[in-house]
Amino acid sequence: MFLILLILLFSLLLILLVLINLEKNIITIAKKTIDLIWRLKLKIIVVVVVIVIIIIIFVVVNIIYVIINKIFLKNIITVEKK
């Protein structure tokens, strides 16, 4: 009888240890997934910022191109009128 109780107690202790270990594993897995989500968000933010910067550069270059073209076109027109 005492031996059976001892085995039951030992098995309950083992089950408890396994559950505690599983809980720690679940917590570490959750932390890793949260870190991955944050890294993914940061990558998405960086990609969006880079795309916005490229668009701004494209717009500025186009504006400069249009201004330079207008200046040269005015010069060409005035030269042709003379």
Foldseek 3Di string as FASTA:
>chain_A
DVVVVVVVVVVVVVVVVVVVVVVVVVVVVVVVVVVVVVVVVVVVVVVVVVVVVVVVVVVVVVVVVVVVVVVVVVVVVVVVVD
